[in-house]
Every structure is written in C-alpha cells, then in structure tokens.
C-alpha cells in the first residue's frame, strides 16, 4: 500500500457500527449477528439534493453505468474497500465499476435506505441484484455502504460491508484484495483520464 493510500485509510476509513446502524427494533427480524442489512426505503433519512446525487451516482455504478460522470463523485485520490477489492485511486476504483458490465448480464439496485448522514459520512443499506453472464441466475445481495466525504464533498473512502465484520488490512486477504484492485484495470480498461 502506498503511503498516500495509508494516509487516506488512516484519516477517512469509516468504522461503522453495523448493529447500531441496521438493527431492527424487532429482534426476530435481525440475522443471528444482530444486523438487518435489508433496506426499508420508507425509513430512509432525508438528505440534501447534493447527497442524493452522490448516492444516485454510486447506485448507478453498482448497476453497471460505468460512466465517467458517475465516477466524478470520487476524489482523485480515494479508496474503495469491499470483501474482494482494495483500490487506492479513482482510476483503480473505475476498474471495478467498468468490470460489472463485462461479468454481469444485469446488475440492478432494488432498494436503498439511508441510515446515517453526518457532516463527513453517508451510510446506506442496499439490495443489489446480480445476474452473471454465464449462469443467468439472479442473486440479491444486501450490504451496508459507507461513504466518507472530503472537504469538497467528494467520496474519499467507500466501504461496502456484506456482513457485520469490518475488514482486515493485513495478511493474505489484504494481498488478494490489493492484487485485484491493482490489476483489474488491465482487463476492464477504464478511461485513462479518470
């Protein structure tokens, strides 16, 4: 990891508490870990139009837009962190998003619920339905997405959590995530100017 990426991680990485952000008041509706990542749009926190635009651009990317316009919500130096990838520039992040249309027949955002909105962060639950090109079997996936914003309102750190555990930035898992983030652009070929 570059020293700049480490600095971004140290300063901007969100450490959301999935239980407090997602727990359902009815415990029978939570998973065994005490989280409920299923979005309930009617319970979504209202946000400013600028914040709505950021969430819309991010969900467009999850849905395969792979557009330069949507990518502009990210700062030039930003981090994307999920169970499969760790990307430490906007260009590497674009490699992830430009890959979705290549491996998925469809990817649809079915629902979102904004669960937190602070001066520097937006967190939302999301259901994304993925249909791989090879299998054509649709699979909905619930996750908690947390975006940390810089002083210009750009996404500086994007964390996508698929379960209640936070991610390790050590060991073999980190090596695999970084390799994926560093080299996927060779396959997906996003525009160089990103």
N, C-alpha and C. Protein backbone atom coordinates (compact mmCIF):
# COMPACT_ATOMS: atom_id res chain seq x y z
N UNK A 1 0.85 -1.17 0.00
CA UNK A 1 0.00 0.00 0.00
C UNK A 1 0.89 1.23 0.00
N UNK A 2 0.55 2.19 -0.84
CA UNK A 2 1.34 3.42 -0.89
C UNK A 2 1.14 4.22 0.39
N UNK A 3 2.08 5.09 0.68
CA UNK A 3 1.97 5.90 1.89
C UNK A 3 0.76 6.83 1.79
N UNK A 4 0.43 7.30 0.57
CA UNK A 4 -0.75 8.15 0.40
C UNK A 4 -2.02 7.36 0.69
N UNK A 5 -2.10 6.13 0.21
CA UNK A 5 -3.27 5.29 0.48
C UNK A 5 -3.39 5.02 1.98
N UNK A 6 -2.27 4.79 2.64
CA UNK A 6 -2.29 4.56 4.09
C UNK A 6 -2.80 5.81 4.81
N UNK A 7 -2.39 6.97 4.34
CA UNK A 7 -2.84 8.23 4.93
C UNK A 7 -4.36 8.40 4.76
N UNK A 8 -4.86 8.09 3.56
CA UNK A 8 -6.30 8.18 3.30
C UNK A 8 -7.04 7.20 4.21
N UNK A 9 -6.53 5.98 4.29
CA UNK A 9 -7.15 4.96 5.13
C UNK A 9 -7.17 5.42 6.59
N UNK A 10 -6.06 5.92 7.08
CA UNK A 10 -5.96 6.35 8.48
C UNK A 10 -6.91 7.51 8.79
N UNK A 11 -7.07 8.43 7.83
CA UNK A 11 -7.85 9.63 8.08
C UNK A 11 -9.33 9.49 7.72
N UNK A 12 -9.65 8.72 6.68
CA UNK A 12 -11.01 8.70 6.15
C UNK A 12 -11.76 7.38 6.29
N UNK A 13 -11.07 6.27 6.61
CA UNK A 13 -11.77 4.99 6.63
C UNK A 13 -12.91 5.00 7.64
N UNK A 14 -14.12 4.72 7.18
CA UNK A 14 -15.24 4.66 8.12
C UNK A 14 -15.17 3.37 8.93
N UNK A 15 -15.59 3.46 10.15
CA UNK A 15 -15.70 2.30 11.03
C UNK A 15 -17.13 2.23 11.55
N UNK A 16 -18.06 1.96 10.63
CA UNK A 16 -19.47 1.96 11.06
C UNK A 16 -19.75 0.82 12.04
N UNK A 17 -20.70 1.06 12.91
CA UNK A 17 -21.18 0.02 13.82
C UNK A 17 -22.43 -0.58 13.18
N UNK A 18 -22.28 -1.72 12.49
CA UNK A 18 -23.42 -2.27 11.76
C UNK A 18 -24.65 -2.53 12.63
N UNK A 19 -24.43 -2.97 13.87
CA UNK A 19 -25.58 -3.24 14.73
C UNK A 19 -26.38 -1.97 15.03
N UNK A 20 -25.68 -0.89 15.38
CA UNK A 20 -26.42 0.33 15.73
C UNK A 20 -27.06 0.97 14.49
N UNK A 21 -26.45 0.82 13.32
CA UNK A 21 -26.99 1.42 12.10
C UNK A 21 -28.12 0.61 11.48
N UNK A 22 -28.12 -0.70 11.70
CA UNK A 22 -29.04 -1.54 10.94
C UNK A 22 -29.97 -2.40 11.77
N UNK A 23 -29.75 -2.46 13.06
CA UNK A 23 -30.54 -3.37 13.89
C UNK A 23 -32.02 -3.02 13.83
N UNK A 24 -32.82 -4.05 13.67
CA UNK A 24 -34.26 -3.89 13.62
C UNK A 24 -34.80 -3.87 15.04
N UNK A 25 -35.76 -2.99 15.35
CA UNK A 25 -36.33 -2.97 16.70
C UNK A 25 -36.95 -4.31 17.09
N UNK A 26 -37.43 -5.05 16.10
CA UNK A 26 -37.95 -6.39 16.36
C UNK A 26 -36.81 -7.38 16.17
N UNK A 27 -36.22 -7.89 17.26
CA UNK A 27 -35.05 -8.77 17.15
C UNK A 27 -35.26 -9.99 16.28
N UNK A 28 -36.50 -10.44 16.12
CA UNK A 28 -36.76 -11.63 15.29
C UNK A 28 -36.49 -11.35 13.82
N UNK A 29 -36.40 -10.07 13.43
CA UNK A 29 -36.14 -9.71 12.04
C UNK A 29 -34.65 -9.52 11.74
N UNK A 30 -33.81 -9.58 12.77
CA UNK A 30 -32.37 -9.46 12.58
C UNK A 30 -31.76 -10.81 12.26
N UNK A 31 -30.58 -10.76 11.64
CA UNK A 31 -29.83 -12.01 11.44
C UNK A 31 -29.27 -12.44 12.79
N UNK A 32 -28.64 -13.59 12.82
CA UNK A 32 -28.08 -14.10 14.06
C UNK A 32 -26.98 -13.19 14.61
N UNK A 33 -26.44 -12.32 13.77
CA UNK A 33 -25.37 -11.40 14.20
C UNK A 33 -25.93 -10.08 14.72
N UNK A 34 -27.25 -9.92 14.68
CA UNK A 34 -27.85 -8.69 15.18
C UNK A 34 -27.95 -7.57 14.16
N UNK A 35 -27.72 -7.88 12.89
CA UNK A 35 -27.82 -6.85 11.86
C UNK A 35 -28.98 -7.15 10.93
N UNK A 36 -29.49 -6.10 10.32
CA UNK A 36 -30.55 -6.21 9.32
C UNK A 36 -30.14 -5.32 8.15
N UNK A 37 -29.48 -5.91 7.16
CA UNK A 37 -29.00 -5.13 6.01
C UNK A 37 -30.07 -4.95 4.93
N UNK A 38 -31.25 -5.50 5.14
CA UNK A 38 -32.31 -5.30 4.16
C UNK A 38 -32.81 -3.87 4.25
N UNK A 39 -32.75 -3.13 3.12
CA UNK A 39 -33.20 -1.74 3.16
C UNK A 39 -34.72 -1.62 3.24
N UNK A 40 -35.15 -0.59 3.93
CA UNK A 40 -36.57 -0.24 4.03
C UNK A 40 -36.66 1.22 3.58
N UNK A 41 -36.87 1.45 2.27
CA UNK A 41 -36.82 2.81 1.72
C UNK A 41 -37.72 3.81 2.44
N UNK A 42 -38.86 3.35 2.95
CA UNK A 42 -39.77 4.26 3.64
C UNK A 42 -39.19 4.80 4.95
N UNK A 43 -38.13 4.17 5.46
CA UNK A 43 -37.49 4.62 6.70
C UNK A 43 -36.21 5.42 6.42
N UNK A 44 -35.94 5.69 5.16
CA UNK A 44 -34.70 6.37 4.77
C UNK A 44 -34.65 7.79 5.32
N UNK A 45 -33.47 8.17 5.81
CA UNK A 45 -33.23 9.53 6.30
C UNK A 45 -33.19 10.47 5.09
N UNK A 46 -33.81 11.62 5.23
CA UNK A 46 -33.77 12.64 4.17
C UNK A 46 -32.39 13.29 4.14
N UNK A 47 -31.88 13.52 2.93
CA UNK A 47 -30.58 14.17 2.76
C UNK A 47 -30.71 15.31 1.74
N UNK A 48 -29.69 16.12 1.68
CA UNK A 48 -29.70 17.25 0.74
C UNK A 48 -29.68 16.74 -0.70
N UNK A 49 -30.09 17.58 -1.65
CA UNK A 49 -30.02 17.18 -3.07
C UNK A 49 -28.60 16.77 -3.49
N UNK A 50 -27.58 17.45 -2.97
CA UNK A 50 -26.19 17.09 -3.31
C UNK A 50 -25.87 15.68 -2.82
N UNK A 51 -26.29 15.34 -1.61
CA UNK A 51 -26.06 13.99 -1.08
C UNK A 51 -26.88 12.95 -1.86
N UNK A 52 -28.10 13.30 -2.23
CA UNK A 52 -28.91 12.40 -3.07
C UNK A 52 -28.19 12.09 -4.38
N UNK A 53 -27.57 13.12 -4.95
CA UNK A 53 -26.83 12.96 -6.21
C UNK A 53 -25.66 11.99 -6.03
N UNK A 54 -24.97 12.08 -4.91
CA UNK A 54 -23.85 11.17 -4.64
C UNK A 54 -24.35 9.73 -4.53
N UNK A 55 -25.40 9.52 -3.75
CA UNK A 55 -25.94 8.17 -3.59
C UNK A 55 -26.43 7.64 -4.93
N UNK A 56 -27.08 8.48 -5.72
CA UNK A 56 -27.57 8.06 -7.05
C UNK A 56 -26.41 7.66 -7.96
N UNK A 57 -25.33 8.44 -7.96
CA UNK A 57 -24.17 8.10 -8.79
C UNK A 57 -23.57 6.76 -8.36
N UNK A 58 -23.47 6.55 -7.06
CA UNK A 58 -22.91 5.28 -6.55
C UNK A 58 -23.81 4.11 -6.94
N UNK A 59 -25.12 4.25 -6.77
CA UNK A 59 -26.01 3.13 -7.15
C UNK A 59 -26.02 2.93 -8.66
N UNK A 60 -25.85 4.00 -9.44
CA UNK A 60 -25.70 3.84 -10.90
C UNK A 60 -24.48 2.98 -11.21
N UNK A 61 -23.38 3.24 -10.50
CA UNK A 61 -22.16 2.45 -10.73
C UNK A 61 -22.38 0.99 -10.36
N UNK A 62 -23.02 0.73 -9.24
CA UNK A 62 -23.34 -0.65 -8.86
C UNK A 62 -24.21 -1.31 -9.93
N UNK A 63 -25.02 -0.51 -10.60
CA UNK A 63 -25.93 -1.04 -11.62
C UNK A 63 -25.30 -1.11 -13.00
N UNK A 64 -24.00 -0.89 -13.08
CA UNK A 64 -23.29 -1.09 -14.33
C UNK A 64 -23.18 0.12 -15.23
N UNK A 65 -23.42 1.34 -14.71
CA UNK A 65 -23.36 2.52 -15.57
C UNK A 65 -21.96 2.74 -16.13
N UNK A 66 -20.95 2.48 -15.31
CA UNK A 66 -19.55 2.68 -15.74
C UNK A 66 -19.39 3.98 -16.50
N UNK A 67 -19.96 5.05 -15.95
CA UNK A 67 -19.87 6.34 -16.65
C UNK A 67 -18.85 7.24 -15.99
N UNK A 68 -18.19 8.03 -16.82
CA UNK A 68 -17.22 9.00 -16.30
C UNK A 68 -17.91 10.02 -15.41
N UNK A 69 -19.13 10.40 -15.76
CA UNK A 69 -19.87 11.37 -14.95
C UNK A 69 -20.12 10.82 -13.54
N UNK A 70 -20.59 9.58 -13.45
CA UNK A 70 -20.82 8.99 -12.13
C UNK A 70 -19.52 8.83 -11.35
N UNK A 71 -18.43 8.55 -12.05
CA UNK A 71 -17.14 8.38 -11.38
C UNK A 71 -16.63 9.68 -10.75
N UNK A 72 -17.16 10.81 -11.20
CA UNK A 72 -16.68 12.10 -10.68
C UNK A 72 -17.10 12.36 -9.24
N UNK A 73 -17.94 11.50 -8.64
CA UNK A 73 -18.26 11.68 -7.22
C UNK A 73 -17.06 11.32 -6.35
N UNK A 74 -16.09 10.58 -6.91
CA UNK A 74 -14.89 10.20 -6.17
C UNK A 74 -13.82 11.27 -6.29
N UNK A 75 -13.09 11.48 -5.19
CA UNK A 75 -11.88 12.31 -5.24
C UNK A 75 -10.85 11.57 -6.09
N UNK A 76 -9.91 12.31 -6.66
CA UNK A 76 -8.86 11.69 -7.47
C UNK A 76 -8.11 10.63 -6.67
N UNK A 77 -7.79 10.97 -5.44
CA UNK A 77 -7.15 10.03 -4.52
C UNK A 77 -8.22 9.56 -3.54
N UNK A 78 -8.73 8.37 -3.78
CA UNK A 78 -9.80 7.81 -2.96
C UNK A 78 -9.54 6.31 -2.78
N UNK A 79 -10.26 5.73 -1.83
CA UNK A 79 -10.13 4.29 -1.56
C UNK A 79 -11.50 3.64 -1.68
N UNK A 80 -11.52 2.47 -2.34
CA UNK A 80 -12.69 1.60 -2.40
C UNK A 80 -12.30 0.31 -1.69
N UNK A 81 -13.16 -0.16 -0.77
CA UNK A 81 -12.82 -1.29 0.09
C UNK A 81 -14.04 -2.19 0.24
N UNK A 82 -13.97 -3.41 -0.30
CA UNK A 82 -15.02 -4.40 -0.10
C UNK A 82 -14.36 -5.76 0.14
N UNK A 83 -15.13 -6.82 0.32
CA UNK A 83 -14.50 -8.12 0.62
C UNK A 83 -13.57 -8.64 -0.48
N UNK A 84 -13.72 -8.17 -1.71
CA UNK A 84 -12.93 -8.69 -2.83
C UNK A 84 -11.83 -7.76 -3.30
N UNK A 85 -11.97 -6.46 -3.04
CA UNK A 85 -11.05 -5.49 -3.65
C UNK A 85 -10.65 -4.39 -2.69
N UNK A 86 -9.45 -3.88 -2.92
CA UNK A 86 -8.97 -2.68 -2.25
C UNK A 86 -8.31 -1.84 -3.33
N UNK A 87 -8.91 -0.69 -3.63
CA UNK A 87 -8.41 0.19 -4.69
C UNK A 87 -8.05 1.52 -4.07
N UNK A 88 -6.88 2.07 -4.44
CA UNK A 88 -6.43 3.29 -3.79
C UNK A 88 -6.27 4.50 -4.71
N UNK A 89 -6.94 4.48 -5.88
CA UNK A 89 -7.06 5.68 -6.73
C UNK A 89 -8.41 5.61 -7.44
N UNK A 90 -8.88 6.76 -7.94
CA UNK A 90 -10.15 6.77 -8.67
C UNK A 90 -10.04 5.88 -9.92
N UNK A 91 -8.89 5.87 -10.56
CA UNK A 91 -8.72 5.03 -11.75
C UNK A 91 -8.88 3.55 -11.41
N UNK A 92 -8.28 3.10 -10.32
CA UNK A 92 -8.43 1.70 -9.91
C UNK A 92 -9.87 1.40 -9.50
N UNK A 93 -10.52 2.36 -8.85
CA UNK A 93 -11.94 2.19 -8.49
C UNK A 93 -12.76 2.02 -9.77
N UNK A 94 -12.45 2.83 -10.79
CA UNK A 94 -13.15 2.72 -12.07
C UNK A 94 -12.98 1.32 -12.66
N UNK A 95 -11.82 0.71 -12.45
CA UNK A 95 -11.62 -0.65 -12.94
C UNK A 95 -12.64 -1.62 -12.39
N UNK A 96 -13.05 -1.43 -11.13
CA UNK A 96 -14.07 -2.28 -10.53
C UNK A 96 -15.42 -2.05 -11.22
N UNK A 97 -15.80 -0.78 -11.33
CA UNK A 97 -17.11 -0.46 -11.91
C UNK A 97 -17.19 -0.79 -13.39
N UNK A 98 -16.12 -0.59 -14.13
CA UNK A 98 -16.13 -0.91 -15.56
C UNK A 98 -16.14 -2.42 -15.78
N UNK A 99 -15.84 -3.19 -14.75
CA UNK A 99 -15.88 -4.64 -14.85
C UNK A 99 -17.28 -5.22 -14.73
N UNK A 100 -18.18 -4.51 -14.05
CA UNK A 100 -19.53 -5.06 -13.84
C UNK A 100 -20.22 -5.43 -15.14
N UNK A 101 -20.28 -4.54 -16.15
CA UNK A 101 -20.96 -4.93 -17.40
C UNK A 101 -20.26 -6.07 -18.14
N UNK A 102 -18.99 -6.29 -17.84
CA UNK A 102 -18.26 -7.37 -18.51
C UNK A 102 -18.60 -8.75 -17.92
N UNK A 103 -18.90 -8.80 -16.62
CA UNK A 103 -19.16 -10.10 -15.98
C UNK A 103 -20.63 -10.32 -15.62
N UNK A 104 -21.42 -9.25 -15.61
CA UNK A 104 -22.83 -9.37 -15.24
C UNK A 104 -23.74 -9.08 -16.43
N UNK A 105 -24.71 -9.96 -16.65
CA UNK A 105 -25.73 -9.69 -17.66
C UNK A 105 -26.55 -8.48 -17.22
N UNK A 106 -26.88 -8.46 -15.92
CA UNK A 106 -27.55 -7.31 -15.32
C UNK A 106 -27.08 -7.14 -13.88
N UNK A 107 -27.18 -5.92 -13.43
CA UNK A 107 -26.93 -5.58 -12.03
C UNK A 107 -27.89 -4.44 -11.72
N UNK A 108 -28.82 -4.68 -10.79
CA UNK A 108 -29.87 -3.70 -10.50
C UNK A 108 -29.89 -3.37 -9.02
N UNK A 109 -29.97 -2.07 -8.72
CA UNK A 109 -30.21 -1.65 -7.35
C UNK A 109 -31.71 -1.76 -7.11
N UNK A 110 -32.09 -2.67 -6.23
CA UNK A 110 -33.52 -2.90 -5.97
C UNK A 110 -34.06 -1.95 -4.91
N UNK A 111 -33.24 -1.60 -3.92
CA UNK A 111 -33.71 -0.71 -2.85
C UNK A 111 -32.51 -0.14 -2.09
N UNK A 112 -32.71 1.06 -1.55
CA UNK A 112 -31.72 1.66 -0.65
C UNK A 112 -32.46 2.29 0.53
N UNK A 113 -31.74 2.41 1.62
CA UNK A 113 -32.24 3.12 2.80
C UNK A 113 -31.06 3.85 3.42
N UNK A 114 -31.11 5.16 3.43
CA UNK A 114 -30.05 5.93 4.08
C UNK A 114 -30.27 5.85 5.58
N UNK A 115 -29.25 5.34 6.29
CA UNK A 115 -29.37 5.11 7.73
C UNK A 115 -28.55 6.10 8.56
N UNK A 116 -27.65 6.85 7.91
CA UNK A 116 -26.84 7.83 8.62
C UNK A 116 -26.38 8.91 7.65
N UNK A 117 -26.40 10.14 8.13
CA UNK A 117 -25.97 11.28 7.32
C UNK A 117 -25.34 12.29 8.26
N UNK A 118 -24.01 12.37 8.25
CA UNK A 118 -23.29 13.33 9.10
C UNK A 118 -22.57 14.33 8.20
N UNK A 119 -21.82 15.24 8.80
CA UNK A 119 -21.08 16.23 8.01
C UNK A 119 -20.11 15.57 7.04
N UNK A 120 -19.55 14.41 7.43
CA UNK A 120 -18.50 13.79 6.61
C UNK A 120 -18.84 12.40 6.10
N UNK A 121 -20.02 11.86 6.44
CA UNK A 121 -20.33 10.49 6.01
C UNK A 121 -21.79 10.32 5.64
N UNK A 122 -21.99 9.38 4.71
CA UNK A 122 -23.33 8.90 4.35
C UNK A 122 -23.25 7.38 4.46
N UNK A 123 -24.22 6.77 5.13
CA UNK A 123 -24.29 5.31 5.18
C UNK A 123 -25.67 4.88 4.72
N UNK A 124 -25.69 3.85 3.87
CA UNK A 124 -26.99 3.35 3.42
C UNK A 124 -26.96 1.83 3.24
N UNK A 125 -28.14 1.24 3.51
CA UNK A 125 -28.33 -0.17 3.24
C UNK A 125 -28.78 -0.28 1.79
N UNK A 126 -28.38 -1.36 1.15
CA UNK A 126 -28.69 -1.51 -0.27
C UNK A 126 -28.94 -2.98 -0.60
N UNK A 127 -29.91 -3.21 -1.45
CA UNK A 127 -30.09 -4.53 -2.06
C UNK A 127 -29.75 -4.40 -3.53
N UNK A 128 -28.75 -5.17 -3.94
CA UNK A 128 -28.30 -5.18 -5.32
C UNK A 128 -28.54 -6.58 -5.87
N UNK A 129 -29.17 -6.67 -7.04
CA UNK A 129 -29.42 -7.97 -7.67
C UNK A 129 -28.44 -8.16 -8.82
N UNK A 130 -27.62 -9.19 -8.71
CA UNK A 130 -26.62 -9.51 -9.73
C UNK A 130 -27.05 -10.72 -10.53
N UNK A 131 -26.90 -10.65 -11.85
CA UNK A 131 -27.14 -11.78 -12.73
C UNK A 131 -25.89 -11.98 -13.58
N UNK A 132 -25.08 -12.99 -13.25
CA UNK A 132 -23.85 -13.24 -14.03
C UNK A 132 -24.17 -13.60 -15.48
N UNK A 133 -23.28 -13.23 -16.38
CA UNK A 133 -23.46 -13.54 -17.81
C UNK A 133 -23.47 -15.04 -18.07
N UNK A 134 -22.66 -15.77 -17.36
CA UNK A 134 -22.51 -17.20 -17.62
C UNK A 134 -23.71 -18.01 -17.13
N UNK A 135 -24.19 -17.72 -15.94
CA UNK A 135 -25.20 -18.56 -15.31
C UNK A 135 -26.63 -18.04 -15.52
N UNK A 136 -26.82 -16.76 -15.62
CA UNK A 136 -28.14 -16.12 -15.73
C UNK A 136 -29.06 -16.51 -14.58
N UNK A 137 -28.50 -16.58 -13.39
CA UNK A 137 -29.24 -16.82 -12.17
C UNK A 137 -29.10 -15.57 -11.31
N UNK A 138 -30.21 -14.92 -11.01
CA UNK A 138 -30.17 -13.67 -10.27
C UNK A 138 -30.02 -13.92 -8.77
N UNK A 139 -29.18 -13.12 -8.15
CA UNK A 139 -28.93 -13.24 -6.71
C UNK A 139 -28.95 -11.85 -6.08
N UNK A 140 -29.94 -11.58 -5.20
CA UNK A 140 -29.94 -10.31 -4.49
C UNK A 140 -28.94 -10.37 -3.32
N UNK A 141 -28.21 -9.27 -3.13
CA UNK A 141 -27.21 -9.17 -2.06
C UNK A 141 -27.48 -7.90 -1.27
N UNK A 142 -27.60 -8.03 0.04
CA UNK A 142 -27.77 -6.87 0.92
C UNK A 142 -26.42 -6.46 1.48
N UNK A 143 -26.20 -5.15 1.57
CA UNK A 143 -24.94 -4.67 2.13
C UNK A 143 -25.15 -3.32 2.81
N UNK A 144 -24.13 -2.94 3.57
CA UNK A 144 -24.08 -1.62 4.19
C UNK A 144 -22.94 -0.85 3.53
N UNK A 145 -23.29 0.25 2.88
CA UNK A 145 -22.31 1.07 2.17
C UNK A 145 -22.09 2.35 2.98
N UNK A 146 -20.83 2.64 3.27
CA UNK A 146 -20.49 3.87 3.99
C UNK A 146 -19.51 4.68 3.14
N UNK A 147 -19.85 5.93 2.92
CA UNK A 147 -19.05 6.84 2.11
C UNK A 147 -18.53 7.96 3.01
N UNK A 148 -17.22 8.14 3.05
CA UNK A 148 -16.63 9.27 3.76
C UNK A 148 -16.29 10.33 2.73
N UNK A 149 -16.69 11.57 3.01
CA UNK A 149 -16.51 12.66 2.07
C UNK A 149 -15.39 13.60 2.52
N UNK A 150 -14.72 14.19 1.53
CA UNK A 150 -13.68 15.17 1.84
C UNK A 150 -14.31 16.57 1.93
N UNK A 151 -13.48 17.58 2.07
CA UNK A 151 -13.96 18.96 2.25
C UNK A 151 -14.71 19.48 1.02
N UNK A 152 -14.45 18.91 -0.16
CA UNK A 152 -15.14 19.32 -1.39
C UNK A 152 -16.40 18.50 -1.66
N UNK A 153 -16.75 17.60 -0.75
CA UNK A 153 -17.93 16.78 -0.92
C UNK A 153 -17.72 15.59 -1.84
N UNK A 154 -16.46 15.24 -2.12
CA UNK A 154 -16.14 14.08 -2.96
C UNK A 154 -15.95 12.86 -2.06
N UNK A 155 -16.26 11.68 -2.61
CA UNK A 155 -16.07 10.44 -1.86
C UNK A 155 -14.58 10.16 -1.76
N UNK A 156 -14.11 10.07 -0.54
CA UNK A 156 -12.70 9.82 -0.27
C UNK A 156 -12.48 8.37 0.14
N UNK A 157 -13.47 7.76 0.78
CA UNK A 157 -13.37 6.35 1.19
C UNK A 157 -14.75 5.72 1.03
N UNK A 158 -14.80 4.62 0.30
CA UNK A 158 -16.04 3.89 0.02
C UNK A 158 -15.87 2.49 0.60
N UNK A 159 -16.65 2.18 1.62
CA UNK A 159 -16.60 0.85 2.24
C UNK A 159 -17.93 0.15 2.00
N UNK A 160 -17.86 -1.08 1.48
CA UNK A 160 -19.04 -1.89 1.22
C UNK A 160 -18.92 -3.15 2.09
N UNK A 161 -19.77 -3.23 3.11
CA UNK A 161 -19.73 -4.36 4.06
C UNK A 161 -20.87 -5.33 3.75
N UNK A 162 -20.52 -6.60 3.62
CA UNK A 162 -21.52 -7.62 3.32
C UNK A 162 -21.94 -8.40 4.54
N UNK A 163 -21.29 -8.18 5.65
CA UNK A 163 -21.71 -8.80 6.91
C UNK A 163 -21.30 -7.87 8.04
N UNK A 164 -21.46 -8.31 9.26
CA UNK A 164 -21.24 -7.43 10.40
C UNK A 164 -19.77 -7.18 10.71
N UNK A 165 -18.87 -7.90 10.06
CA UNK A 165 -17.44 -7.78 10.37
C UNK A 165 -16.79 -6.67 9.55
N UNK A 166 -15.87 -5.96 10.20
CA UNK A 166 -15.07 -4.98 9.48
C UNK A 166 -13.93 -5.72 8.80
N UNK A 167 -13.28 -5.07 7.85
CA UNK A 167 -12.26 -5.75 7.06
C UNK A 167 -10.88 -5.61 7.66
N UNK A 168 -10.12 -6.66 7.46
CA UNK A 168 -8.72 -6.65 7.86
C UNK A 168 -7.91 -6.02 6.74
N UNK A 169 -6.89 -5.31 7.12
CA UNK A 169 -5.98 -4.74 6.14
C UNK A 169 -4.60 -5.37 6.32
N UNK A 170 -4.63 -6.67 6.59
CA UNK A 170 -3.39 -7.41 6.82
C UNK A 170 -3.51 -8.80 6.20
N UNK A 171 -2.37 -9.45 6.05
CA UNK A 171 -2.34 -10.86 5.68
C UNK A 171 -2.70 -11.14 4.24
N UNK A 172 -2.97 -12.43 3.98
CA UNK A 172 -3.24 -12.92 2.64
C UNK A 172 -4.50 -12.29 2.03
N UNK A 173 -5.54 -12.10 2.85
CA UNK A 173 -6.76 -11.48 2.33
C UNK A 173 -6.50 -10.10 1.78
N UNK A 174 -5.72 -9.31 2.48
CA UNK A 174 -5.38 -7.97 2.02
C UNK A 174 -4.55 -8.02 0.74
N UNK A 175 -3.63 -8.97 0.67
CA UNK A 175 -2.80 -9.13 -0.54
C UNK A 175 -3.70 -9.42 -1.74
N UNK A 176 -4.65 -10.34 -1.58
CA UNK A 176 -5.55 -10.71 -2.68
C UNK A 176 -6.43 -9.52 -3.09
N UNK A 177 -6.96 -8.78 -2.11
CA UNK A 177 -7.79 -7.62 -2.41
C UNK A 177 -6.99 -6.56 -3.17
N UNK A 178 -5.75 -6.33 -2.74
CA UNK A 178 -4.91 -5.32 -3.38
C UNK A 178 -4.53 -5.76 -4.80
N UNK A 179 -4.20 -7.02 -4.98
CA UNK A 179 -3.89 -7.51 -6.33
C UNK A 179 -5.07 -7.31 -7.26
N UNK A 180 -6.27 -7.62 -6.79
CA UNK A 180 -7.47 -7.42 -7.58
C UNK A 180 -7.61 -5.94 -7.93
N UNK A 181 -7.49 -5.07 -6.94
CA UNK A 181 -7.62 -3.64 -7.17
C UNK A 181 -6.56 -3.08 -8.10
N UNK A 182 -5.33 -3.57 -7.95
CA UNK A 182 -4.22 -3.04 -8.74
C UNK A 182 -4.23 -3.51 -10.19
N UNK A 183 -4.77 -4.70 -10.46
CA UNK A 183 -4.61 -5.28 -11.79
C UNK A 183 -5.89 -5.41 -12.62
N UNK A 184 -7.06 -5.21 -12.01
CA UNK A 184 -8.30 -5.36 -12.78
C UNK A 184 -8.40 -4.35 -13.91
N UNK A 185 -7.79 -3.19 -13.75
CA UNK A 185 -7.85 -2.16 -14.81
C UNK A 185 -7.23 -2.65 -16.11
N UNK A 186 -6.33 -3.62 -16.05
CA UNK A 186 -5.72 -4.16 -17.27
C UNK A 186 -6.74 -4.93 -18.09
N UNK A 187 -7.76 -5.44 -17.43
CA UNK A 187 -8.82 -6.20 -18.11
C UNK A 187 -9.99 -5.29 -18.48
N UNK A 188 -10.41 -4.45 -17.53
CA UNK A 188 -11.61 -3.64 -17.74
C UNK A 188 -11.35 -2.36 -18.52
N UNK A 189 -10.14 -1.86 -18.52
CA UNK A 189 -9.70 -0.71 -19.29
C UNK A 189 -10.60 0.53 -19.19
N UNK A 190 -10.71 1.11 -17.98
CA UNK A 190 -11.46 2.36 -17.87
C UNK A 190 -10.69 3.49 -18.55
N UNK A 191 -11.34 4.60 -18.86
CA UNK A 191 -10.65 5.72 -19.50
C UNK A 191 -9.47 6.21 -18.64
N UNK A 192 -8.34 6.43 -19.27
CA UNK A 192 -7.11 6.84 -18.59
C UNK A 192 -7.30 8.16 -17.81
N UNK A 193 -8.15 9.06 -18.32
CA UNK A 193 -8.30 10.36 -17.68
C UNK A 193 -9.01 10.30 -16.33
N UNK A 194 -9.56 9.14 -15.97
CA UNK A 194 -10.18 9.02 -14.65
C UNK A 194 -9.09 8.96 -13.61
